[in-house]
Amino acid sequence: MSRLDPNDLSTFIAIARQKSFRKASEELGVTASALSHAMRTLEERLGVRLLNRTTRSVALTEAGQRLYDRVTPAFRDIDDAIEDLNRFRDRPAGSIRINAARLACHLVLLPLLSGFTRSYPDVSVEVVSDNALSDIVGKGFDAGVRFGEALAADMIAIPLGPRKRFSVVASPEFLTRHGVPKTPHDLRHFPCIRYRFDSGALYRWEFERGPEAPEVEVAGPVTVNDLDLMVRPALDGLGLAYVFEEQVAAYIQSGQLVEVLSDWCPYYPGFFLYYPSRRQMPAALRAFVDHVRAQRF
């Protein structure tokens, strides 16, 4: 068998990690058909099938899993060796891929990037907005941004902004028609804007006051899967919304929305930048982590 091209193995690793030719093609910047051709060529040269393909899915064969488990650490060592060279550069260079919840992008992540990219012009940052709790290692991301309560225990995490507070709001017209809830339990009798997770589960509104911490399953005419989408229906008087205080501060100040149940809405840990522990942190990621730590939140 002739010597294999390392590019073919890196292509295989990307497809195996993403379990999708389309997603791997987006990661590598080539067409899915080119990847499919490269994989057929690799399998023919090795004389074994590495992937089981259907029109909807890609899965590793036993041989493919064995190859993936053996070569992935070797490629990681190569990446670490190349990263070592960054110590000899005047300033860090490279790329960072960050997976973040959509609202986290707007509230904390994107505002940090302007200062960072000016300080580190040789570092490029790719932000992928995704509300699902993605496996950042498995999907090839360097780091992620999530609400503090949603972090995996085996990740290194640093605060990415101050604590956050939720707020229950409605339009003045809505409160005139329906009245004002006095306790979280009253919400069961009010139209509310519901939030559905990407998993399909509906969010139960969480409150806290002293020893009480009720979770309320609300009902209402509108259900959304993005917290930003809750604000417009609330402004239009369709229901109460439960959103981050920052999202509606201007509307509260202008009188377009009114906050209720404020004494039941405590502060929670805010968003965190999290990343896996590695023997050699990429220089570009290290620069971003240092930039985040230097902020005064």
Protein backbone atom coordinates (compact mmCIF):
# COMPACT_ATOMS: atom_id res chain seq x y z
CA MET A 1 0.00 0.00 0.00
CA SER A 2 1.39 3.43 -0.94
CA ARG A 3 1.89 6.09 1.71
CA LEU A 4 -1.31 7.83 2.75
CA ASP A 5 -1.79 11.56 2.34
CA PRO A 6 -2.25 13.16 5.80
CA ASN A 7 -4.89 15.41 4.23
CA ASP A 8 -7.04 12.33 3.60
CA LEU A 9 -6.80 11.37 7.26
CA SER A 10 -7.68 14.89 8.42
CA THR A 11 -10.69 14.76 6.09
CA PHE A 12 -11.72 11.46 7.64
CA ILE A 13 -11.34 12.90 11.17
CA ALA A 14 -13.57 15.89 10.32
CA ILE A 15 -16.31 13.67 8.85
CA ALA A 16 -16.11 11.24 11.78
CA ARG A 17 -16.30 14.08 14.30
CA GLN A 18 -19.21 15.85 12.62
CA LYS A 19 -20.96 12.63 11.50
CA SER A 20 -22.05 14.60 8.45
CA PHE A 21 -20.45 15.30 5.09
CA ARG A 22 -22.26 18.65 4.89
CA LYS A 23 -21.05 19.87 8.29
CA ALA A 24 -17.52 18.60 7.62
CA SER A 25 -17.50 20.40 4.28
CA GLU A 26 -18.46 23.64 6.04
CA GLU A 27 -15.65 23.12 8.58
CA LEU A 28 -13.03 22.38 5.91
CA GLY A 29 -14.28 24.83 3.30
CA VAL A 30 -14.71 22.30 0.49
CA THR A 31 -17.74 20.71 -1.16
CA ALA A 32 -19.47 17.67 0.29
CA SER A 33 -19.01 15.86 -3.02
CA ALA A 34 -15.24 16.42 -2.82
CA LEU A 35 -15.20 14.92 0.67
CA SER A 36 -17.25 11.94 -0.48
CA HIS A 37 -14.80 11.31 -3.31
CA ALA A 38 -11.83 11.64 -0.90
CA MET A 39 -13.38 9.12 1.49
CA ARG A 40 -14.06 6.59 -1.27
CA THR A 41 -10.45 6.92 -2.38
CA LEU A 42 -9.16 6.45 1.18
CA GLU A 43 -11.31 3.38 1.77
CA GLU A 44 -10.18 1.83 -1.53
CA ARG A 45 -6.52 2.39 -0.65
CA LEU A 46 -6.97 0.92 2.83
CA GLY A 47 -9.15 -1.91 1.60
CA VAL A 48 -11.72 -1.48 4.42
CA ARG A 49 -14.95 0.43 4.87
CA LEU A 50 -14.58 3.25 7.39
CA LEU A 51 -18.04 4.81 7.22
CA ASN A 52 -21.57 3.54 6.86
CA ARG A 53 -23.51 6.07 4.81
CA THR A 54 -27.23 6.57 4.29
CA THR A 55 -29.06 9.53 2.80
CA ARG A 56 -29.64 10.85 6.34
CA SER A 57 -26.70 9.78 8.46
CA VAL A 58 -23.02 8.89 8.63
CA ALA A 59 -21.69 6.40 11.19
CA LEU A 60 -18.29 4.88 11.83
CA THR A 61 -17.75 1.20 11.17
CA GLU A 62 -15.78 -0.80 13.73
CA ALA A 63 -12.65 -0.29 11.59
CA GLY A 64 -13.44 3.41 11.23
CA GLN A 65 -13.81 3.83 14.98
CA ARG A 66 -10.50 2.04 15.54
CA LEU A 67 -8.74 4.32 13.05
CA TYR A 68 -10.36 7.45 14.49
CA ASP A 69 -9.32 6.54 18.04
CA ARG A 70 -5.71 5.94 16.94
CA VAL A 71 -5.07 8.88 14.63
CA THR A 72 -6.97 11.66 16.41
CA PRO A 73 -4.45 11.97 19.31
CA ALA A 74 -1.61 12.03 16.77
CA PHE A 75 -3.17 14.93 14.88
CA ARG A 76 -3.77 16.71 18.19
CA ASP A 77 -0.08 16.31 18.98
CA ILE A 78 0.76 17.84 15.60
CA ASP A 79 -1.53 20.78 16.34
CA ASP A 80 0.13 21.23 19.73
CA ALA A 81 3.58 21.15 18.13
CA ILE A 82 2.57 23.86 15.68
CA GLU A 83 1.08 25.89 18.53
CA ASP A 84 4.45 25.71 20.29
CA LEU A 85 5.87 27.79 17.45
CA ASN A 86 3.59 30.65 18.40
CA ARG A 87 5.86 31.29 21.36
CA PHE A 88 8.44 32.54 18.87
CA ARG A 89 6.04 35.01 17.24
CA ASP A 90 5.72 38.65 18.26
CA ARG A 91 1.99 38.17 18.76
CA PRO A 92 -0.49 35.26 18.73
CA ALA A 93 -1.98 34.11 15.44
CA GLY A 94 -4.50 31.52 14.36
CA SER A 95 -8.22 30.99 14.63
CA ILE A 96 -10.80 30.35 17.36
CA ARG A 97 -14.16 28.65 16.91
CA ILE A 98 -16.70 29.50 19.62
CA ASN A 99 -20.13 27.95 20.07
CA ALA A 100 -22.56 30.21 21.92
CA ALA A 101 -26.24 30.50 22.74
CA ARG A 102 -27.86 33.11 20.51
CA LEU A 103 -28.66 35.57 23.26
CA ALA A 104 -25.18 35.17 24.78
CA CYS A 105 -23.74 36.29 21.44
CA HIS A 106 -25.65 39.58 21.62
CA LEU A 107 -25.36 40.29 25.33
CA VAL A 108 -21.75 39.37 26.12
CA LEU A 109 -19.70 37.75 23.37
CA LEU A 110 -19.93 40.07 20.37
CA PRO A 111 -19.30 43.24 22.44
CA LEU A 112 -15.94 41.73 23.49
CA LEU A 113 -14.76 40.95 19.98
CA SER A 114 -14.13 44.49 18.76
CA GLY A 115 -11.51 45.17 21.42
CA PHE A 116 -10.01 41.70 21.06
CA THR A 117 -9.62 41.78 17.27
CA ARG A 118 -8.02 45.22 17.45
CA SER A 119 -5.50 43.91 20.01
CA TYR A 120 -4.87 40.65 18.11
CA PRO A 121 -5.25 41.34 14.37
CA ASP A 122 -3.65 38.00 13.44
CA VAL A 123 -6.36 36.00 15.23
CA SER A 124 -9.65 35.27 13.49
CA VAL A 125 -12.76 34.35 15.47
CA GLU A 126 -15.64 32.24 14.16
CA VAL A 127 -18.83 32.41 16.23
CA VAL A 128 -21.50 29.74 15.73
CA SER A 129 -24.86 30.58 17.28
CA ASP A 130 -26.58 27.51 18.70
CA ASN A 131 -29.05 27.19 21.57
CA ALA A 132 -28.48 23.45 21.94
CA LEU A 133 -26.03 22.23 24.58
CA SER A 134 -23.48 21.15 22.00
CA ASP A 135 -20.47 18.95 22.65
CA ILE A 136 -17.85 21.55 21.82
CA VAL A 137 -15.00 19.02 21.76
CA GLY A 138 -16.87 16.55 19.58
CA LYS A 139 -17.89 19.28 17.14
CA GLY A 140 -14.47 20.83 16.81
CA PHE A 141 -14.97 24.06 18.78
CA ASP A 142 -12.25 25.65 20.90
CA ALA A 143 -14.67 27.11 23.43
CA GLY A 144 -18.31 27.74 24.21
CA VAL A 145 -20.46 30.32 25.95
CA ARG A 146 -23.39 29.25 28.12
CA PHE A 147 -25.38 30.31 31.14
CA GLY A 148 -23.56 29.33 34.33
CA GLU A 149 -26.06 26.66 35.39
CA ALA A 150 -25.70 24.78 32.08
CA LEU A 151 -21.95 24.06 32.20
CA ALA A 152 -20.44 20.60 32.20
CA ALA A 153 -18.46 19.86 35.35
CA ASP A 154 -15.29 18.84 33.48
CA MET A 155 -14.83 22.19 31.73
CA ILE A 156 -12.69 25.17 32.71
CA ALA A 157 -15.05 28.15 32.99
CA ILE A 158 -14.51 31.87 33.51
CA PRO A 159 -17.16 34.58 33.92
CA LEU A 160 -18.07 36.42 30.74
CA GLY A 161 -19.86 39.39 32.22
CA PRO A 162 -21.73 40.19 35.44
CA ARG A 163 -24.54 38.25 37.09
CA LYS A 164 -27.84 38.23 35.24
CA ARG A 165 -31.39 38.81 36.41
CA PHE A 166 -34.60 37.72 34.75
CA SER A 167 -37.60 40.02 34.59
CA VAL A 168 -41.33 39.38 34.14
CA VAL A 169 -42.81 42.10 31.95
CA ALA A 170 -46.03 43.00 30.19
CA SER A 171 -47.49 46.01 28.40
CA PRO A 172 -49.55 48.53 30.42
CA GLU A 173 -52.55 47.71 28.22
CA PHE A 174 -52.22 44.00 29.03
CA LEU A 175 -52.11 44.66 32.78
CA THR A 176 -55.16 46.92 32.53
CA ARG A 177 -57.11 44.12 30.85
CA HIS A 178 -55.87 41.14 32.87
CA GLY A 179 -54.71 42.59 36.17
CA VAL A 180 -51.33 42.20 37.89
CA PRO A 181 -50.04 38.83 39.22
CA LYS A 182 -49.14 39.02 42.90
CA THR A 183 -47.20 35.76 43.19
CA PRO A 184 -45.57 33.39 40.68
CA HIS A 185 -48.43 30.91 41.22
CA ASP A 186 -50.87 33.51 39.82
CA LEU A 187 -49.17 33.18 36.43
CA ARG A 188 -51.13 29.98 35.79
CA HIS A 189 -54.18 32.20 35.28
CA PHE A 190 -52.49 34.70 32.93
CA PRO A 191 -51.62 34.46 29.21
CA CYS A 192 -47.82 34.08 28.98
CA ILE A 193 -45.25 33.94 26.18
CA ARG A 194 -43.75 30.46 26.45
CA TYR A 195 -40.20 29.39 25.63
CA ARG A 196 -39.35 26.01 24.14
CA PHE A 197 -35.81 24.58 24.33
CA ASP A 198 -34.23 23.04 21.25
CA SER A 199 -34.72 19.70 22.98
CA GLY A 200 -38.47 20.24 22.70
CA ALA A 201 -39.08 20.80 26.42
CA LEU A 202 -41.01 23.87 27.56
CA TYR A 203 -39.28 26.13 30.08
CA ARG A 204 -40.84 26.31 33.54
CA TRP A 205 -40.43 29.85 34.85
CA GLU A 206 -38.11 29.83 37.88
CA PHE A 207 -38.45 32.18 40.85
CA GLU A 208 -36.93 32.59 44.28
CA ARG A 209 -37.73 34.56 47.42
CA GLY A 210 -36.28 33.54 50.73
CA PRO A 211 -36.76 29.78 51.21
CA GLU A 212 -39.33 29.56 48.39
CA ALA A 213 -38.21 28.63 44.87
CA PRO A 214 -41.28 27.81 42.78
CA GLU A 215 -41.13 26.67 39.16
CA VAL A 216 -44.27 27.55 37.23
CA GLU A 217 -45.52 25.90 34.06
CA VAL A 218 -47.23 28.71 32.16
CA ALA A 219 -49.65 28.70 29.24
CA GLY A 220 -50.38 31.23 26.55
CA PRO A 221 -51.06 32.06 22.91
CA VAL A 222 -47.45 32.25 21.67
CA THR A 223 -44.48 29.88 22.03
CA VAL A 224 -40.98 30.76 20.77
CA ASN A 225 -37.53 29.14 20.81
CA ASP A 226 -35.51 32.34 21.19
CA LEU A 227 -35.66 34.75 24.15
CA ASP A 228 -35.35 37.73 21.80
CA LEU A 229 -38.63 36.66 20.18
CA MET A 230 -40.49 37.00 23.48
CA VAL A 231 -40.21 40.79 23.60
CA ARG A 232 -42.34 41.74 20.59
CA PRO A 233 -45.42 39.74 21.67
CA ALA A 234 -45.15 41.29 25.13
CA LEU A 235 -45.01 44.79 23.62
CA ASP A 236 -48.10 43.92 21.57
CA GLY A 237 -50.02 42.92 24.70
CA LEU A 238 -50.23 39.19 23.93
CA GLY A 239 -48.93 38.02 27.28
CA LEU A 240 -46.38 38.24 30.07
CA ALA A 241 -42.77 37.52 29.09
CA TYR A 242 -39.90 36.18 31.18
CA VAL A 243 -36.63 37.54 29.74
CA PHE A 244 -33.25 38.90 30.73
CA GLU A 245 -33.53 42.32 32.37
CA GLU A 246 -31.05 43.75 29.85
CA GLN A 247 -33.34 42.84 26.95
CA VAL A 248 -36.17 45.03 28.19
CA ALA A 249 -34.49 47.76 30.30
CA ALA A 250 -35.08 50.43 27.65
CA TYR A 251 -38.73 49.44 27.22
CA ILE A 252 -39.30 49.57 30.98
CA GLN A 253 -37.67 52.99 31.15
CA SER A 254 -39.85 54.29 28.31
CA GLY A 255 -43.02 52.87 29.87
CA GLN A 256 -43.75 50.48 26.99
CA LEU A 257 -43.35 47.54 29.37
CA VAL A 258 -43.97 47.21 33.10
CA GLU A 259 -42.07 44.84 35.38
CA VAL A 260 -44.05 42.68 37.78
CA LEU A 261 -43.04 40.15 40.45
CA SER A 262 -39.68 41.93 40.78
CA ASP A 263 -39.17 40.69 44.35
CA TRP A 264 -39.38 37.10 43.04
CA CYS A 265 -36.66 37.57 40.38
CA PRO A 266 -33.18 37.13 41.94
CA TYR A 267 -29.81 37.34 40.28
CA TYR A 268 -28.24 34.23 38.79
CA PRO A 269 -24.71 33.39 37.63
CA GLY A 270 -24.26 35.02 34.24
CA PHE A 271 -22.68 33.67 31.10
CA PHE A 272 -19.36 31.84 31.15
CA LEU A 273 -16.69 31.16 28.58
CA TYR A 274 -15.78 27.48 28.92
CA TYR A 275 -13.19 25.27 27.28
CA PRO A 276 -11.61 21.84 27.80
CA SER A 277 -8.37 21.36 29.68
CA ARG A 278 -5.53 20.55 27.28
CA ARG A 279 -1.83 19.95 27.63
CA GLN A 280 -1.22 22.84 25.22
CA MET A 281 -3.83 25.58 24.96
CA PRO A 282 -3.78 27.15 21.46
CA ALA A 283 -2.11 30.57 21.57
CA ALA A 284 -5.12 32.26 19.96
CA LEU A 285 -7.46 30.84 22.60
CA ARG A 286 -5.05 31.75 25.38
CA ALA A 287 -5.03 35.34 24.11
CA PHE A 288 -8.83 35.45 24.14
CA VAL A 289 -9.03 33.95 27.63
CA ASP A 290 -6.53 36.54 28.88
CA HIS A 291 -8.56 39.29 27.19
CA VAL A 292 -11.72 38.12 28.95
CA ARG A 293 -9.97 37.89 32.33
CA ALA A 294 -8.74 41.46 31.91
CA GLN A 295 -12.26 42.89 31.62
CA ARG A 296 -13.86 44.62 34.59
CA PHE A 297 -17.28 43.04 34.89
